[in-house]
Amino acid sequence: MKRLQIFIIFLASFASLSAYTADNGGKYAIRGAGLIDCQTFLKEQEKQSSAYLMIGGWIDGYITGASQYASETYDATSFESTELFVEIVKNHCRKNSRDRLFSVVNSIIAQRWESRIKKQTPLVGVKLGENSVQIYRETIVRMQERLAEKGFFKLPVTGQFDAETISALASFQKTLKGYKDTGFPDQATLWALFVE
């Protein structure tokens, strides 16, 4: 039942992006972790409390609601993990202690909306050394296209995470301050590639 409530909340927040709306006056209820303010979030994060862990679950539920109820959406994110979302929320909250978690998460999704995965695409297992991740093939295609735009990827875009992609990603990582040139598509590298 709680997930259903989260999905209903999401519908209201993305009324402009989908065919769903709130009540006739455009109002809706916010429940659960979405009600807490940034100051509370930061305190719970610092303590690593059970409430903080529940907030991560709330964020996942919110993203799932976005994916389920928004039109032309398979996944409301393209590569962003829960951990990355939490880091983005933390950065925002450090500067805006009175903002509510709901509005912060909603804003992040809205800002990244055009990069969502619109239709189902296979997950590809990527393993380099001890690091491994599941990443959408569509995200690999976008990664190759972006690396090509930046002059790091020369071959035709294939959607395969192959030696050429690893090499191109490692070359890109060399240009980033504080990054190791592993060629692994970690969250920080993908954020730098797609967002910064």
N, C-alpha and C. Protein backbone atom coordinates (compact mmCIF):
# COMPACT_ATOMS: atom_id res chain seq x y z
N MET A 1 0.81 -1.19 0.00
CA MET A 1 0.00 0.00 0.00
C MET A 1 0.86 1.26 0.00
N LYS A 2 1.96 1.24 0.77
CA LYS A 2 2.82 2.42 0.87
C LYS A 2 3.42 2.75 -0.51
N ARG A 3 3.83 1.72 -1.27
CA ARG A 3 4.38 1.98 -2.61
C ARG A 3 3.33 2.63 -3.51
N LEU A 4 2.10 2.17 -3.39
CA LEU A 4 1.02 2.77 -4.17
C LEU A 4 0.89 4.25 -3.84
N GLN A 5 1.00 4.60 -2.57
CA GLN A 5 0.93 6.00 -2.18
C GLN A 5 2.08 6.80 -2.78
N ILE A 6 3.27 6.22 -2.78
CA ILE A 6 4.42 6.89 -3.38
C ILE A 6 4.18 7.10 -4.87
N PHE A 7 3.63 6.09 -5.53
CA PHE A 7 3.36 6.22 -6.97
C PHE A 7 2.35 7.34 -7.22
N ILE A 8 1.35 7.45 -6.37
CA ILE A 8 0.36 8.51 -6.53
C ILE A 8 1.01 9.87 -6.35
N ILE A 9 1.88 9.98 -5.37
CA ILE A 9 2.61 11.23 -5.16
C ILE A 9 3.40 11.59 -6.41
N PHE A 10 4.05 10.59 -6.97
CA PHE A 10 4.87 10.85 -8.15
C PHE A 10 4.02 11.36 -9.30
N LEU A 11 2.86 10.74 -9.47
CA LEU A 11 1.99 11.15 -10.57
C LEU A 11 1.70 12.65 -10.51
N ALA A 12 1.45 13.13 -9.34
CA ALA A 12 1.15 14.55 -9.18
C ALA A 12 2.35 15.41 -9.54
N SER A 13 3.52 14.97 -9.16
CA SER A 13 4.71 15.78 -9.39
C SER A 13 5.11 15.85 -10.86
N PHE A 14 4.71 14.86 -11.62
CA PHE A 14 5.07 14.85 -13.04
C PHE A 14 3.85 15.05 -13.93
N ALA A 15 2.88 15.80 -13.46
CA ALA A 15 1.66 16.01 -14.24
C ALA A 15 1.98 16.58 -15.62
N SER A 16 2.99 17.42 -15.71
CA SER A 16 3.33 18.01 -16.99
C SER A 16 4.04 17.04 -17.92
N LEU A 17 4.56 15.94 -17.37
CA LEU A 17 5.30 14.99 -18.18
C LEU A 17 4.46 13.78 -18.59
N SER A 18 3.31 13.61 -17.99
CA SER A 18 2.51 12.44 -18.30
C SER A 18 1.03 12.82 -18.34
N ALA A 19 0.21 11.85 -18.59
CA ALA A 19 -1.22 12.08 -18.68
C ALA A 19 -1.89 12.07 -17.31
N TYR A 20 -1.16 11.75 -16.26
CA TYR A 20 -1.72 11.66 -14.92
C TYR A 20 -1.66 13.00 -14.21
N THR A 21 -2.63 13.25 -13.31
CA THR A 21 -2.64 14.50 -12.56
C THR A 21 -3.04 14.23 -11.12
N ALA A 22 -2.99 15.28 -10.30
CA ALA A 22 -3.44 15.22 -8.91
C ALA A 22 -4.94 15.46 -8.88
N ASP A 23 -5.43 16.06 -7.78
CA ASP A 23 -6.85 16.37 -7.75
C ASP A 23 -7.16 17.52 -8.72
N ASN A 24 -8.41 17.90 -8.81
CA ASN A 24 -8.81 18.93 -9.77
C ASN A 24 -8.11 20.26 -9.54
N GLY A 25 -7.67 20.51 -8.31
CA GLY A 25 -6.97 21.74 -7.99
C GLY A 25 -5.46 21.62 -8.12
N GLY A 26 -4.97 20.46 -8.60
CA GLY A 26 -3.53 20.25 -8.75
C GLY A 26 -2.82 19.96 -7.45
N LYS A 27 -3.57 19.63 -6.41
CA LYS A 27 -2.96 19.35 -5.11
C LYS A 27 -2.86 17.85 -4.88
N TYR A 28 -1.90 17.47 -4.03
CA TYR A 28 -1.68 16.05 -3.73
C TYR A 28 -1.02 15.92 -2.37
N ALA A 29 -1.13 14.75 -1.81
CA ALA A 29 -0.54 14.47 -0.50
C ALA A 29 0.89 13.96 -0.68
N ILE A 30 1.75 14.38 0.21
CA ILE A 30 3.11 13.86 0.25
C ILE A 30 3.22 13.06 1.54
N ARG A 31 3.79 11.87 1.45
CA ARG A 31 3.88 11.00 2.61
C ARG A 31 5.28 10.46 2.78
N GLY A 32 5.52 9.92 3.94
CA GLY A 32 6.77 9.22 4.20
C GLY A 32 7.97 10.15 4.21
N ALA A 33 9.10 9.62 3.76
CA ALA A 33 10.38 10.34 3.82
C ALA A 33 10.35 11.63 3.01
N GLY A 34 9.46 11.75 2.07
CA GLY A 34 9.37 12.97 1.28
C GLY A 34 9.05 14.20 2.11
N LEU A 35 8.50 14.00 3.29
CA LEU A 35 8.12 15.11 4.16
C LEU A 35 9.29 15.69 4.96
N ILE A 36 10.36 14.93 5.13
CA ILE A 36 11.44 15.44 5.98
C ILE A 36 12.21 16.55 5.27
N ASP A 37 12.79 17.42 6.07
CA ASP A 37 13.58 18.49 5.48
C ASP A 37 15.04 18.06 5.35
N CYS A 38 15.78 18.85 4.62
CA CYS A 38 17.18 18.52 4.36
C CYS A 38 18.01 18.43 5.63
N GLN A 39 17.73 19.30 6.59
CA GLN A 39 18.48 19.28 7.84
C GLN A 39 18.33 17.91 8.53
N THR A 40 17.11 17.40 8.58
CA THR A 40 16.86 16.09 9.18
C THR A 40 17.54 15.00 8.37
N PHE A 41 17.44 15.09 7.05
CA PHE A 41 18.10 14.11 6.19
C PHE A 41 19.60 14.05 6.50
N LEU A 42 20.24 15.20 6.58
CA LEU A 42 21.69 15.23 6.84
C LEU A 42 22.04 14.66 8.21
N LYS A 43 21.23 14.92 9.22
CA LYS A 43 21.47 14.36 10.55
C LYS A 43 21.35 12.84 10.53
N GLU A 44 20.33 12.33 9.86
CA GLU A 44 20.14 10.88 9.78
C GLU A 44 21.23 10.23 8.95
N GLN A 45 21.67 10.91 7.91
CA GLN A 45 22.75 10.38 7.07
C GLN A 45 24.04 10.29 7.88
N GLU A 46 24.31 11.32 8.66
CA GLU A 46 25.53 11.34 9.47
C GLU A 46 25.54 10.18 10.49
N LYS A 47 24.37 9.88 11.05
CA LYS A 47 24.26 8.79 12.03
C LYS A 47 24.18 7.42 11.35
N GLN A 48 23.95 7.41 10.03
CA GLN A 48 23.71 6.16 9.30
C GLN A 48 22.58 5.36 9.96
N SER A 49 21.53 6.08 10.36
CA SER A 49 20.41 5.49 11.09
C SER A 49 19.54 4.62 10.19
N SER A 50 18.64 3.90 10.83
CA SER A 50 17.69 3.10 10.05
C SER A 50 16.77 4.02 9.25
N ALA A 51 16.49 5.21 9.77
CA ALA A 51 15.68 6.17 9.01
C ALA A 51 16.40 6.56 7.72
N TYR A 52 17.71 6.73 7.80
CA TYR A 52 18.49 7.06 6.60
C TYR A 52 18.39 5.94 5.57
N LEU A 53 18.47 4.69 6.01
CA LEU A 53 18.34 3.57 5.09
C LEU A 53 16.95 3.53 4.47
N MET A 54 15.95 3.88 5.25
CA MET A 54 14.59 3.93 4.72
C MET A 54 14.44 5.03 3.67
N ILE A 55 15.18 6.10 3.83
CA ILE A 55 15.13 7.19 2.85
C ILE A 55 15.63 6.68 1.50
N GLY A 56 16.71 5.88 1.50
CA GLY A 56 17.18 5.27 0.25
C GLY A 56 16.11 4.43 -0.40
N GLY A 57 15.37 3.66 0.42
CA GLY A 57 14.26 2.87 -0.11
C GLY A 57 13.16 3.75 -0.66
N TRP A 58 12.89 4.88 0.00
CA TRP A 58 11.88 5.81 -0.49
C TRP A 58 12.30 6.38 -1.84
N ILE A 59 13.58 6.72 -1.97
CA ILE A 59 14.08 7.25 -3.25
C ILE A 59 13.92 6.20 -4.34
N ASP A 60 14.28 4.95 -4.06
CA ASP A 60 14.09 3.88 -5.05
C ASP A 60 12.62 3.74 -5.44
N GLY A 61 11.74 3.80 -4.44
CA GLY A 61 10.30 3.71 -4.73
C GLY A 61 9.82 4.87 -5.58
N TYR A 62 10.34 6.04 -5.31
CA TYR A 62 9.97 7.22 -6.08
C TYR A 62 10.40 7.06 -7.54
N ILE A 63 11.62 6.60 -7.74
CA ILE A 63 12.13 6.39 -9.09
C ILE A 63 11.32 5.30 -9.79
N THR A 64 10.97 4.25 -9.07
CA THR A 64 10.14 3.19 -9.64
C THR A 64 8.78 3.74 -10.05
N GLY A 65 8.22 4.61 -9.22
CA GLY A 65 6.95 5.24 -9.58
C GLY A 65 7.07 6.06 -10.85
N ALA A 66 8.18 6.78 -10.95
CA ALA A 66 8.42 7.56 -12.17
C ALA A 66 8.49 6.65 -13.38
N SER A 67 9.17 5.55 -13.22
CA SER A 67 9.33 4.61 -14.33
C SER A 67 8.01 3.95 -14.70
N GLN A 68 7.20 3.66 -13.71
CA GLN A 68 5.95 2.94 -13.96
C GLN A 68 4.87 3.84 -14.53
N TYR A 69 4.75 5.06 -14.05
CA TYR A 69 3.59 5.87 -14.37
C TYR A 69 3.80 6.99 -15.38
N ALA A 70 5.03 7.32 -15.70
CA ALA A 70 5.25 8.36 -16.70
C ALA A 70 5.21 7.75 -18.10
N SER A 71 4.66 8.48 -19.03
CA SER A 71 4.59 7.95 -20.40
C SER A 71 5.98 7.91 -21.02
N GLU A 72 6.15 7.02 -21.96
CA GLU A 72 7.41 6.83 -22.69
C GLU A 72 8.60 6.72 -21.74
N THR A 73 8.44 5.90 -20.70
CA THR A 73 9.52 5.76 -19.73
C THR A 73 9.64 4.31 -19.30
N TYR A 74 10.83 3.73 -19.52
CA TYR A 74 11.14 2.41 -18.99
C TYR A 74 11.85 2.58 -17.65
N ASP A 75 12.82 3.48 -17.58
CA ASP A 75 13.52 3.79 -16.34
C ASP A 75 13.72 5.30 -16.28
N ALA A 76 13.28 5.92 -15.20
CA ALA A 76 13.39 7.37 -15.06
C ALA A 76 14.84 7.83 -14.94
N THR A 77 15.75 6.90 -14.76
CA THR A 77 17.17 7.21 -14.73
C THR A 77 17.84 6.49 -15.90
N SER A 78 19.03 6.92 -16.25
CA SER A 78 19.75 6.23 -17.32
C SER A 78 20.94 5.45 -16.79
N PHE A 79 21.53 5.94 -15.70
CA PHE A 79 22.67 5.24 -15.09
C PHE A 79 22.76 5.51 -13.60
N GLU A 80 22.04 6.49 -13.11
CA GLU A 80 22.20 6.98 -11.75
C GLU A 80 21.71 5.95 -10.72
N SER A 81 22.58 5.58 -9.80
CA SER A 81 22.25 4.64 -8.73
C SER A 81 21.60 5.36 -7.56
N THR A 82 21.04 4.60 -6.65
CA THR A 82 20.49 5.18 -5.43
C THR A 82 21.58 5.94 -4.67
N GLU A 83 22.77 5.36 -4.62
CA GLU A 83 23.88 5.99 -3.91
C GLU A 83 24.22 7.34 -4.52
N LEU A 84 24.21 7.43 -5.85
CA LEU A 84 24.48 8.71 -6.51
C LEU A 84 23.38 9.71 -6.20
N PHE A 85 22.12 9.27 -6.24
CA PHE A 85 21.02 10.17 -5.90
C PHE A 85 21.19 10.71 -4.49
N VAL A 86 21.56 9.84 -3.56
CA VAL A 86 21.76 10.28 -2.17
C VAL A 86 22.87 11.32 -2.10
N GLU A 87 23.95 11.13 -2.84
CA GLU A 87 25.04 12.11 -2.85
C GLU A 87 24.59 13.46 -3.42
N ILE A 88 23.79 13.41 -4.47
CA ILE A 88 23.27 14.65 -5.07
C ILE A 88 22.35 15.35 -4.07
N VAL A 89 21.50 14.57 -3.41
CA VAL A 89 20.61 15.13 -2.39
C VAL A 89 21.44 15.76 -1.27
N LYS A 90 22.48 15.06 -0.81
CA LYS A 90 23.35 15.60 0.26
C LYS A 90 23.95 16.93 -0.15
N ASN A 91 24.47 17.00 -1.36
CA ASN A 91 25.08 18.25 -1.83
C ASN A 91 24.06 19.38 -1.85
N HIS A 92 22.86 19.09 -2.30
CA HIS A 92 21.81 20.10 -2.31
C HIS A 92 21.45 20.51 -0.88
N CYS A 93 21.28 19.53 -0.02
CA CYS A 93 20.82 19.79 1.34
C CYS A 93 21.82 20.59 2.16
N ARG A 94 23.09 20.44 1.88
CA ARG A 94 24.10 21.21 2.61
C ARG A 94 23.91 22.72 2.39
N LYS A 95 23.36 23.08 1.25
CA LYS A 95 23.15 24.49 0.92
C LYS A 95 21.72 24.95 1.17
N ASN A 96 20.79 24.00 1.32
CA ASN A 96 19.36 24.32 1.40
C ASN A 96 18.70 23.49 2.50
N SER A 97 19.01 23.76 3.74
CA SER A 97 18.62 22.90 4.85
C SER A 97 17.11 22.82 5.09
N ARG A 98 16.36 23.75 4.56
CA ARG A 98 14.91 23.77 4.81
C ARG A 98 14.11 23.08 3.71
N ASP A 99 14.73 22.77 2.59
CA ASP A 99 14.01 22.11 1.50
C ASP A 99 13.52 20.73 1.93
N ARG A 100 12.40 20.32 1.40
CA ARG A 100 11.83 19.00 1.69
C ARG A 100 12.42 17.98 0.72
N LEU A 101 12.62 16.77 1.21
CA LEU A 101 13.21 15.70 0.41
C LEU A 101 12.43 15.46 -0.87
N PHE A 102 11.11 15.50 -0.78
CA PHE A 102 10.28 15.30 -1.96
C PHE A 102 10.65 16.27 -3.08
N SER A 103 10.74 17.56 -2.75
CA SER A 103 11.02 18.56 -3.78
C SER A 103 12.44 18.41 -4.34
N VAL A 104 13.37 17.99 -3.49
CA VAL A 104 14.75 17.81 -3.95
C VAL A 104 14.83 16.64 -4.95
N VAL A 105 14.28 15.49 -4.58
CA VAL A 105 14.32 14.32 -5.46
C VAL A 105 13.53 14.58 -6.73
N ASN A 106 12.38 15.21 -6.59
CA ASN A 106 11.57 15.56 -7.76
C ASN A 106 12.35 16.45 -8.72
N SER A 107 13.07 17.41 -8.18
CA SER A 107 13.86 18.34 -8.98
C SER A 107 14.99 17.61 -9.72
N ILE A 108 15.66 16.69 -9.04
CA ILE A 108 16.75 15.93 -9.67
C ILE A 108 16.20 15.13 -10.85
N ILE A 109 15.10 14.44 -10.64
CA ILE A 109 14.51 13.65 -11.73
C ILE A 109 14.07 14.56 -12.87
N ALA A 110 13.46 15.68 -12.55
CA ALA A 110 13.01 16.61 -13.60
C ALA A 110 14.19 17.14 -14.41
N GLN A 111 15.29 17.47 -13.72
CA GLN A 111 16.48 17.97 -14.42
C GLN A 111 17.09 16.92 -15.34
N ARG A 112 17.00 15.66 -14.97
CA ARG A 112 17.60 14.58 -15.76
C ARG A 112 16.57 13.89 -16.66
N TRP A 113 15.35 14.41 -16.74
CA TRP A 113 14.25 13.72 -17.40
C TRP A 113 14.54 13.36 -18.86
N GLU A 114 15.14 14.24 -19.60
CA GLU A 114 15.39 13.97 -21.02
C GLU A 114 16.37 12.82 -21.23
N SER A 115 17.14 12.49 -20.20
CA SER A 115 18.11 11.39 -20.35
C SER A 115 17.55 10.05 -19.90
N ARG A 116 16.28 9.99 -19.51
CA ARG A 116 15.69 8.73 -19.05
C ARG A 116 15.74 7.67 -20.15
N ILE A 117 15.62 6.43 -19.76
CA ILE A 117 15.53 5.32 -20.72
C ILE A 117 14.06 5.21 -21.10
N LYS A 118 13.77 5.43 -22.37
CA LYS A 118 12.37 5.50 -22.80
C LYS A 118 11.75 4.15 -23.10
N LYS A 119 12.55 3.20 -23.55
CA LYS A 119 12.00 1.86 -23.81
C LYS A 119 12.98 0.80 -23.33
N GLN A 120 12.43 -0.38 -23.10
CA GLN A 120 13.24 -1.45 -22.53
C GLN A 120 14.49 -1.71 -23.37
N THR A 121 15.58 -1.87 -22.68
CA THR A 121 16.87 -2.13 -23.30
C THR A 121 17.60 -3.12 -22.39
N PRO A 122 18.36 -4.03 -22.96
CA PRO A 122 19.02 -5.04 -22.11
C PRO A 122 20.04 -4.43 -21.15
N LEU A 123 20.18 -5.07 -20.01
CA LEU A 123 21.27 -4.74 -19.10
C LEU A 123 22.50 -5.52 -19.53
N VAL A 124 23.64 -4.88 -19.51
CA VAL A 124 24.90 -5.50 -19.89
C VAL A 124 25.78 -5.56 -18.65
N GLY A 125 26.30 -6.73 -18.36
CA GLY A 125 27.22 -6.87 -17.24
C GLY A 125 28.62 -6.41 -17.66
N VAL A 126 29.18 -5.49 -16.90
CA VAL A 126 30.52 -4.98 -17.16
C VAL A 126 31.38 -5.34 -15.96
N LYS A 127 32.49 -6.03 -16.21
CA LYS A 127 33.41 -6.40 -15.13
C LYS A 127 34.83 -6.06 -15.58
N LEU A 128 35.48 -5.22 -14.80
CA LEU A 128 36.88 -4.88 -15.02
C LEU A 128 37.60 -5.04 -13.70
N GLY A 129 38.51 -5.98 -13.64
CA GLY A 129 39.19 -6.25 -12.38
C GLY A 129 38.18 -6.68 -11.34
N GLU A 130 38.19 -6.02 -10.19
CA GLU A 130 37.26 -6.36 -9.12
C GLU A 130 35.96 -5.56 -9.20
N ASN A 131 35.87 -4.62 -10.13
CA ASN A 131 34.68 -3.78 -10.27
C ASN A 131 33.71 -4.40 -11.26
N SER A 132 32.45 -4.34 -10.91
CA SER A 132 31.42 -4.82 -11.83
C SER A 132 30.17 -3.97 -11.68
N VAL A 133 29.42 -3.88 -12.76
CA VAL A 133 28.19 -3.09 -12.77
C VAL A 133 27.28 -3.63 -13.87
N GLN A 134 25.98 -3.44 -13.69
CA GLN A 134 24.99 -3.71 -14.73
C GLN A 134 24.62 -2.35 -15.31
N ILE A 135 24.72 -2.23 -16.62
CA ILE A 135 24.45 -0.94 -17.27
C ILE A 135 23.60 -1.19 -18.51
N TYR A 136 22.65 -0.31 -18.77
CA TYR A 136 21.79 -0.47 -19.94
C TYR A 136 22.60 -0.35 -21.23
N ARG A 137 22.24 -1.19 -22.20
CA ARG A 137 22.89 -1.09 -23.52
C ARG A 137 22.69 0.31 -24.09
N GLU A 138 21.52 0.88 -23.90
CA GLU A 138 21.25 2.25 -24.38
C GLU A 138 22.23 3.24 -23.75
N THR A 139 22.57 3.05 -22.49
CA THR A 139 23.53 3.92 -21.84
C THR A 139 24.92 3.75 -22.45
N ILE A 140 25.26 2.53 -22.82
CA ILE A 140 26.55 2.30 -23.49
C ILE A 140 26.57 3.00 -24.84
N VAL A 141 25.47 2.92 -25.58
CA VAL A 141 25.37 3.64 -26.86
C VAL A 141 25.58 5.13 -26.63
N ARG A 142 24.89 5.68 -25.65
CA ARG A 142 25.02 7.11 -25.35
C ARG A 142 26.45 7.45 -24.90
N MET A 143 27.05 6.55 -24.13
CA MET A 143 28.43 6.75 -23.68
C MET A 143 29.37 6.82 -24.88
N GLN A 144 29.23 5.88 -25.81
CA GLN A 144 30.06 5.88 -27.01
C GLN A 144 29.84 7.14 -27.84
N GLU A 145 28.58 7.56 -27.98
CA GLU A 145 28.29 8.78 -28.73
C GLU A 145 28.92 10.00 -28.07
N ARG A 146 28.79 10.08 -26.76
CA ARG A 146 29.35 11.23 -26.03
C ARG A 146 30.87 11.22 -26.09
N LEU A 147 31.48 10.05 -25.94
CA LEU A 147 32.93 9.94 -26.05
C LEU A 147 33.39 10.32 -27.46
N ALA A 148 32.63 9.97 -28.47
CA ALA A 148 32.95 10.34 -29.85
C ALA A 148 32.86 11.86 -30.02
N GLU A 149 31.81 12.48 -29.45
CA GLU A 149 31.66 13.95 -29.50
C GLU A 149 32.87 14.64 -28.90
N LYS A 150 33.44 14.03 -27.86
CA LYS A 150 34.59 14.62 -27.17
C LYS A 150 35.92 14.20 -27.78
N GLY A 151 35.87 13.39 -28.85
CA GLY A 151 37.08 13.00 -29.56
C GLY A 151 37.82 11.81 -28.99
N PHE A 152 37.18 11.03 -28.12
CA PHE A 152 37.84 9.88 -27.51
C PHE A 152 37.48 8.56 -28.16
N PHE A 153 36.35 8.49 -28.84
CA PHE A 153 35.86 7.24 -29.41
C PHE A 153 35.77 7.40 -30.92
N LYS A 154 36.47 6.57 -31.67
CA LYS A 154 36.56 6.73 -33.12
C LYS A 154 35.78 5.69 -33.92
N LEU A 155 35.50 4.55 -33.33
CA LEU A 155 34.85 3.47 -34.06
C LEU A 155 33.35 3.69 -34.17
N PRO A 156 32.66 2.96 -35.02
CA PRO A 156 31.20 3.08 -35.06
C PRO A 156 30.59 2.70 -33.71
N VAL A 157 29.52 3.36 -33.34
CA VAL A 157 28.82 3.07 -32.10
C VAL A 157 28.18 1.69 -32.22
N THR A 158 28.45 0.84 -31.24
CA THR A 158 27.98 -0.54 -31.29
C THR A 158 27.07 -0.91 -30.13
N GLY A 159 27.17 -0.19 -29.03
CA GLY A 159 26.43 -0.58 -27.84
C GLY A 159 27.09 -1.72 -27.08
N GLN A 160 28.27 -2.11 -27.52
CA GLN A 160 29.03 -3.17 -26.84
C GLN A 160 30.09 -2.51 -25.96
N PHE A 161 30.23 -3.01 -24.74
CA PHE A 161 31.28 -2.49 -23.87
C PHE A 161 32.54 -3.30 -24.16
N ASP A 162 33.25 -2.86 -25.18
CA ASP A 162 34.40 -3.61 -25.70
C ASP A 162 35.71 -2.88 -25.39
N ALA A 163 36.81 -3.42 -25.88
CA ALA A 163 38.13 -2.85 -25.61
C ALA A 163 38.24 -1.40 -26.08
N GLU A 164 37.62 -1.08 -27.21
CA GLU A 164 37.67 0.29 -27.73
C GLU A 164 36.94 1.26 -26.78
N THR A 165 35.82 0.80 -26.23
CA THR A 165 35.06 1.63 -25.30
C THR A 165 35.83 1.83 -24.00
N ILE A 166 36.44 0.75 -23.50
CA ILE A 166 37.25 0.83 -22.28
C ILE A 166 38.40 1.83 -22.47
N SER A 167 39.06 1.72 -23.61
CA SER A 167 40.19 2.62 -23.90
C SER A 167 39.72 4.07 -24.00
N ALA A 168 38.61 4.30 -24.68
CA ALA A 168 38.08 5.66 -24.82
C ALA A 168 37.67 6.23 -23.47
N LEU A 169 37.04 5.41 -22.65
CA LEU A 169 36.61 5.88 -21.33
C LEU A 169 37.83 6.17 -20.45
N ALA A 170 38.85 5.33 -20.52
CA ALA A 170 40.08 5.57 -19.75
C ALA A 170 40.75 6.87 -20.20
N SER A 171 40.76 7.12 -21.50
CA SER A 171 41.34 8.38 -22.02
C SER A 171 40.56 9.58 -21.49
N PHE A 172 39.23 9.45 -21.46
CA PHE A 172 38.40 10.52 -20.90
C PHE A 172 38.71 10.72 -19.42
N GLN A 173 38.82 9.63 -18.69
CA GLN A 173 39.10 9.71 -17.25
C GLN A 173 40.44 10.41 -16.98
N LYS A 174 41.41 10.25 -17.87
CA LYS A 174 42.71 10.91 -17.70
C LYS A 174 42.57 12.43 -17.68
N THR A 175 41.52 12.94 -18.32
CA THR A 175 41.32 14.40 -18.39
C THR A 175 40.62 14.95 -17.15
N LEU A 176 40.17 14.07 -16.27
CA LEU A 176 39.42 14.47 -15.09
C LEU A 176 40.32 14.50 -13.86
N LYS A 177 40.29 15.57 -13.15
CA LYS A 177 41.12 15.71 -11.95
C LYS A 177 40.65 14.74 -10.88
N GLY A 178 41.59 13.95 -10.37
CA GLY A 178 41.30 13.03 -9.28
C GLY A 178 40.70 11.70 -9.69
N TYR A 179 40.59 11.44 -10.96
CA TYR A 179 40.04 10.17 -11.44
C TYR A 179 41.16 9.24 -11.86
N LYS A 180 40.97 7.95 -11.62
CA LYS A 180 41.90 6.94 -12.13
C LYS A 180 41.43 6.53 -13.51
N ASP A 181 42.37 6.31 -14.41
CA ASP A 181 42.02 5.94 -15.79
C ASP A 181 41.86 4.42 -15.91
N THR A 182 40.78 3.93 -15.34
CA THR A 182 40.50 2.49 -15.31
C THR A 182 39.71 2.02 -16.52
N GLY A 183 38.96 2.92 -17.14
CA GLY A 183 38.06 2.52 -18.22
C GLY A 183 36.75 1.95 -17.70
N PHE A 184 36.58 1.92 -16.38
CA PHE A 184 35.36 1.38 -15.78
C PHE A 184 34.29 2.47 -15.72
N PRO A 185 33.05 2.17 -16.09
CA PRO A 185 31.99 3.18 -16.10
C PRO A 185 31.35 3.36 -14.72
N ASP A 186 32.12 3.89 -13.78
CA ASP A 186 31.59 4.13 -12.44
C ASP A 186 30.67 5.35 -12.46
N GLN A 187 29.94 5.54 -11.38
CA GLN A 187 28.95 6.62 -11.31
C GLN A 187 29.58 7.99 -11.49
N ALA A 188 30.73 8.24 -10.86
CA ALA A 188 31.38 9.55 -10.97
C ALA A 188 31.81 9.84 -12.40
N THR A 189 32.35 8.83 -13.08
CA THR A 189 32.78 9.01 -14.47
C THR A 189 31.59 9.30 -15.37
N LEU A 190 30.51 8.54 -15.20
CA LEU A 190 29.33 8.76 -16.04
C LEU A 190 28.70 10.12 -15.76
N TRP A 191 28.71 10.54 -14.50
CA TRP A 191 28.19 11.88 -14.18
C TRP A 191 29.02 12.94 -14.88
N ALA A 192 30.35 12.79 -14.82
CA ALA A 192 31.23 13.76 -15.48
C ALA A 192 31.02 13.74 -17.00
N LEU A 193 30.79 12.60 -17.57
CA LEU A 193 30.61 12.46 -19.01
C LEU A 193 29.28 13.03 -19.48
N PHE A 194 28.21 12.76 -18.76
CA PHE A 194 26.87 13.13 -19.21
C PHE A 194 26.34 14.44 -18.63
N VAL A 195 26.81 14.84 -17.47
CA VAL A 195 26.17 15.96 -16.78
C VAL A 195 27.07 17.18 -16.69
N GLU A 196 28.30 17.00 -16.28
CA GLU A 196 29.18 18.15 -16.05
C GLU A 196 29.67 18.74 -17.35
